[in-house]
Protein backbone atom coordinates (compact mmCIF):
# COMPACT_ATOMS: atom_id res chain seq x y z
CA MET A 1 0.00 0.00 0.00
CA SER A 2 2.81 2.44 0.85
CA GLU A 3 4.01 2.28 -2.76
CA ASN A 4 0.97 4.36 -3.74
CA TYR A 5 1.87 7.11 -1.26
CA SER A 6 4.36 9.96 -1.70
CA ILE A 7 6.24 12.13 0.77
CA PHE A 8 4.12 15.15 1.71
CA LYS A 9 6.04 16.68 4.61
CA LYS A 10 9.18 15.98 6.64
CA PHE A 11 9.70 16.81 10.30
CA SER A 12 12.64 16.55 12.66
CA VAL A 13 10.35 16.18 15.69
CA LEU A 14 7.90 13.28 15.98
CA GLU A 15 5.33 15.32 17.94
CA GLN A 16 5.06 17.89 15.13
CA ALA A 17 4.55 15.13 12.59
CA LYS A 18 1.87 13.55 14.78
CA ASP A 19 -0.02 16.86 15.04
CA VAL A 20 -0.06 17.31 11.26
CA GLU A 21 -0.97 13.66 10.74
CA GLN A 22 -3.95 14.01 13.08
CA LEU A 23 -5.08 17.19 11.33
CA LEU A 24 -5.03 15.43 7.97
CA ARG A 25 -6.82 12.38 9.32
CA ASP A 26 -9.51 14.64 10.84
CA ASN A 27 -10.08 15.90 7.29
CA ASN A 28 -10.40 12.39 5.84
CA ILE A 29 -6.93 12.17 4.33
CA ASP A 30 -5.20 8.81 4.74
CA THR A 31 -1.62 9.10 5.94
CA ILE A 32 1.44 6.98 6.59
CA ILE A 33 4.04 8.22 9.06
CA ALA A 34 7.55 6.75 9.24
CA ASP A 35 11.27 7.47 9.42
CA ASN A 36 12.79 8.34 6.07
CA VAL A 37 15.05 5.30 5.92
CA PRO A 38 17.22 5.76 2.78
CA SER A 39 15.73 4.05 -0.26
CA VAL A 40 15.66 4.38 -4.04
CA ASP A 41 13.06 7.13 -3.53
CA SER A 42 15.77 9.51 -2.34
CA ASN A 43 18.80 11.37 -3.59
CA PHE A 44 21.85 9.21 -4.23
CA GLY A 45 24.46 9.66 -1.55
CA ALA A 46 21.98 10.91 1.08
CA ASN A 47 23.24 10.80 4.63
CA PRO A 48 21.54 7.85 6.34
CA LEU A 49 22.17 9.48 9.74
CA ASN A 50 20.15 12.55 8.80
CA ASN A 51 16.78 10.87 9.24
CA GLU A 52 13.55 12.79 9.50
CA ILE A 53 9.95 11.85 10.16
CA GLU A 54 7.97 11.62 6.93
CA ILE A 55 4.26 11.97 6.36
CA ARG A 56 3.16 10.24 3.18
CA ILE A 57 -0.21 10.66 1.50
CA LYS A 58 -1.76 9.81 -1.85
CA GLN A 59 -0.69 12.13 -4.65
CA SER A 60 -4.34 12.90 -5.40
CA ASP A 61 -4.66 14.40 -1.88
CA PHE A 62 -1.69 16.78 -2.11
CA ASP A 63 -3.66 19.90 -3.13
CA LYS A 64 -6.32 19.29 -0.51
CA ALA A 65 -3.75 18.66 2.22
CA SER A 66 -1.80 21.81 1.33
CA LYS A 67 -4.93 23.94 1.54
CA ILE A 68 -5.82 22.43 4.91
CA LEU A 69 -2.43 23.32 6.35
CA GLU A 70 -2.54 26.82 4.87
CA SER A 71 -5.98 27.52 6.32
CA GLN A 72 -4.80 26.20 9.69
CA VAL A 73 -2.16 28.93 9.98
CA GLU A 74 -4.29 31.84 8.76
CA ASN A 75 -5.51 32.61 12.29
CA LEU A 76 -1.94 32.63 13.60
CA ILE A 77 -0.64 35.28 11.21
CA ASN A 78 -2.14 38.19 13.13
CA THR A 79 -0.37 37.07 16.32
CA ILE A 80 3.23 37.44 15.09
CA ASP A 81 5.71 39.60 16.95
CA ASP A 82 6.82 42.92 15.50
CA ASP A 83 10.36 41.60 15.11
CA TYR A 84 9.40 38.47 13.14
CA TYR A 85 12.14 38.01 10.55
CA LEU A 86 9.89 37.95 7.47
CA LEU A 87 8.74 41.51 8.17
CA SER A 88 12.16 42.77 7.10
CA PHE A 89 12.22 40.77 3.87
CA THR A 90 12.21 42.64 0.55
CA ASP A 91 9.50 42.03 -2.04
CA ASP A 92 11.88 39.87 -4.08
CA GLU A 93 12.70 37.75 -1.04
CA LEU A 94 9.01 37.25 -0.28
CA TYR A 95 8.34 36.27 -3.89
CA ASP A 96 11.20 33.79 -3.60
CA ILE A 97 9.37 32.16 -0.66
CA LEU A 98 6.27 31.83 -2.81
CA LEU A 99 8.37 30.27 -5.56
CA LYS A 100 10.18 27.85 -3.23
CA SER A 101 7.26 27.09 -0.95
CA ASP A 102 8.52 23.52 -0.49
CA GLU A 103 11.49 24.91 1.47
CA TRP A 104 9.36 26.98 3.85
CA SER A 105 6.65 26.34 6.41
CA GLU A 106 2.98 26.92 5.62
CA PHE A 107 3.06 29.80 8.09
CA ASP A 108 5.87 31.64 6.30
CA TYR A 109 4.27 30.95 2.93
CA SER A 110 0.91 32.38 4.00
CA LEU A 111 2.54 35.33 5.75
CA SER A 112 4.55 36.14 2.62
CA LYS A 113 1.35 36.34 0.58
CA LYS A 114 -0.24 38.59 3.20
CA LEU A 115 2.77 40.94 3.37
CA LEU A 116 2.98 41.28 -0.40
CA LYS A 117 -0.73 42.07 -0.62
CA GLU A 118 -0.34 44.70 2.10
CA ARG A 119 2.47 46.26 0.07
CA GLY A 120 0.14 46.59 -2.90
CA LYS A 121 1.47 43.65 -4.89
CA SER A 122 -0.88 41.57 -6.98
CA ILE A 123 -1.08 38.02 -5.65
CA ASP A 124 -3.72 35.89 -7.32
CA ASP A 125 -4.31 32.20 -7.96
CA GLU A 126 -2.88 32.38 -11.47
CA LEU A 127 0.40 33.81 -10.22
CA LEU A 128 0.68 31.21 -7.46
CA LYS A 129 -0.11 28.45 -9.92
CA SER A 130 2.55 29.66 -12.37
CA LEU A 131 5.14 29.86 -9.57
CA LYS A 132 4.37 26.31 -8.51
CA LEU A 133 4.67 25.04 -12.09
CA LYS A 134 7.99 26.86 -12.50
CA ARG A 135 9.26 25.32 -9.27
CA LEU A 136 8.16 21.82 -10.30
CA LYS A 137 10.05 22.15 -13.59
CA GLU A 138 13.19 23.19 -11.72
CA LEU A 139 12.97 20.35 -9.19
CA ALA A 140 12.12 17.78 -11.87
CA LYS A 141 15.44 18.36 -13.63
CA PRO A 142 17.78 15.37 -13.22
CA GLU A 143 20.81 15.67 -10.95
CA GLY A 144 24.08 16.89 -12.47
CA ASN A 145 26.84 14.89 -14.09
CA GLN A 146 27.44 11.53 -12.35
CA ASN A 147 30.72 10.61 -14.08
CA SER A 148 32.61 10.02 -10.83
CA TRP A 149 29.97 7.54 -9.61
CA ILE A 150 29.80 5.90 -13.04
CA ILE A 151 33.58 5.38 -13.15
CA ALA A 152 33.59 4.06 -9.59
CA GLY A 153 30.67 1.77 -10.43
CA TYR A 154 32.43 0.21 -13.41
CA ILE A 155 35.63 -0.29 -11.39
CA PHE A 156 33.80 -2.05 -8.57
CA ALA A 157 31.74 -4.05 -11.06
CA ILE A 158 34.81 -5.31 -12.95
CA LEU A 159 36.61 -6.10 -9.70
CA GLY A 160 33.61 -8.13 -8.60
CA GLY A 161 32.73 -5.84 -5.70
CA PHE A 162 29.25 -5.87 -4.22
CA LEU A 163 29.39 -2.06 -4.20
CA GLY A 164 29.09 -2.13 -7.99
CA LEU A 165 25.63 -3.65 -7.62
CA ILE A 166 24.59 -0.89 -5.22
CA ILE A 167 25.96 1.99 -7.30
CA GLY A 168 24.48 0.61 -10.51
CA TYR A 169 21.08 -0.02 -8.96
CA PHE A 170 20.79 3.49 -7.50
CA LEU A 171 21.95 5.24 -10.66
CA TRP A 172 19.49 3.18 -12.67
CA THR A 173 16.38 3.31 -10.47
CA SER A 174 16.70 6.21 -7.99
CA LYS A 175 13.72 8.60 -7.92
CA LYS A 176 12.85 11.81 -6.10
CA THR A 177 9.48 13.09 -4.98
CA LEU A 178 8.31 16.52 -6.15
CA PRO A 179 6.21 18.84 -3.94
CA ASN A 180 3.04 17.71 -5.74
CA GLY A 181 3.77 14.04 -4.96
CA GLN A 182 4.94 13.13 -8.44
CA LYS A 183 7.96 10.84 -8.60
CA VAL A 184 10.62 11.37 -11.27
CA TYR A 185 13.95 9.72 -11.97
CA SER A 186 16.87 11.43 -10.22
CA TYR A 187 19.39 11.13 -13.05
CA TYR A 188 19.67 11.73 -16.77
CA PRO A 189 18.79 8.83 -19.11
CA LYS A 190 22.44 8.39 -20.15
CA ASP A 191 23.54 8.10 -16.50
CA ARG A 192 20.69 5.68 -15.77
CA LYS A 193 21.76 3.58 -18.75
CA HIS A 194 25.28 3.35 -17.33
CA GLY A 195 23.76 2.40 -13.98
CA LYS A 196 21.88 -0.43 -15.67
CA TYR A 197 25.05 -1.70 -17.36
CA ILE A 198 27.00 -1.47 -14.08
CA PHE A 199 24.28 -3.39 -12.25
CA TYR A 200 24.18 -6.27 -14.73
CA ILE A 201 27.97 -6.47 -15.05
CA SER A 202 28.18 -6.67 -11.25
CA LEU A 203 25.36 -9.21 -11.18
CA ILE A 204 27.41 -11.48 -13.43
CA ILE A 205 30.92 -10.92 -12.09
CA TYR A 206 30.21 -10.72 -8.34
CA PRO A 207 28.85 -14.30 -7.96
CA VAL A 208 31.68 -15.64 -10.13
CA GLY A 209 34.28 -13.85 -8.02
CA PHE A 210 32.64 -15.05 -4.85
CA LEU A 211 32.59 -18.64 -6.12
CA ILE A 212 36.27 -18.50 -7.13
CA LYS A 213 37.21 -17.15 -3.71
CA PHE A 214 35.16 -19.81 -1.99
CA LEU A 215 36.68 -22.63 -4.02
CA SER A 216 40.19 -21.33 -3.43
CA GLN A 217 39.63 -21.62 0.30
CA ILE A 218 38.35 -25.19 0.31
CA LEU A 219 40.63 -26.70 -2.32
């Protein structure tokens, strides 16, 4: 079942994740909450020690869930202190928050919209939609050149190392989750093709090398 769910939010504190999970469940949105144990649905080379608590929901519920969280913070905006850091942001910096909403909290996102409107800036649904589409296109771009990993993968594969299997598999299959829940491949097709070759070379050579080593020890 979890394969049909995508990462919606990440938290460093379990209690915060539980609060959001309960809010979503109260609004009839099914959720899964878990540690983000490194998998192929993550960036290659991610630090396994930097775990966070993930809330996963169905991709079809992403828009609804986002609106629920935004509406939840609307009543809190009028209670901010006069020295809240966003109040000193320039218009361009506030627009940047709207563009990169996935990097900011719902509170800061909603406050940015409010501040821009108070400054006489036009903030409508069409603008917000276009900013989200622009952001999705940026995030959907594959990761940069992976030549160093490709070279290392081929070396380990030829030497019969198990690491060749791991490198090849991740280059070939690794995906990342976009803010709208869509999953896309992390790397360019040419890098993924190398990953596939590395994986199959390792799959052939590693057992042979293991068998030769085993026989050398018993004969």
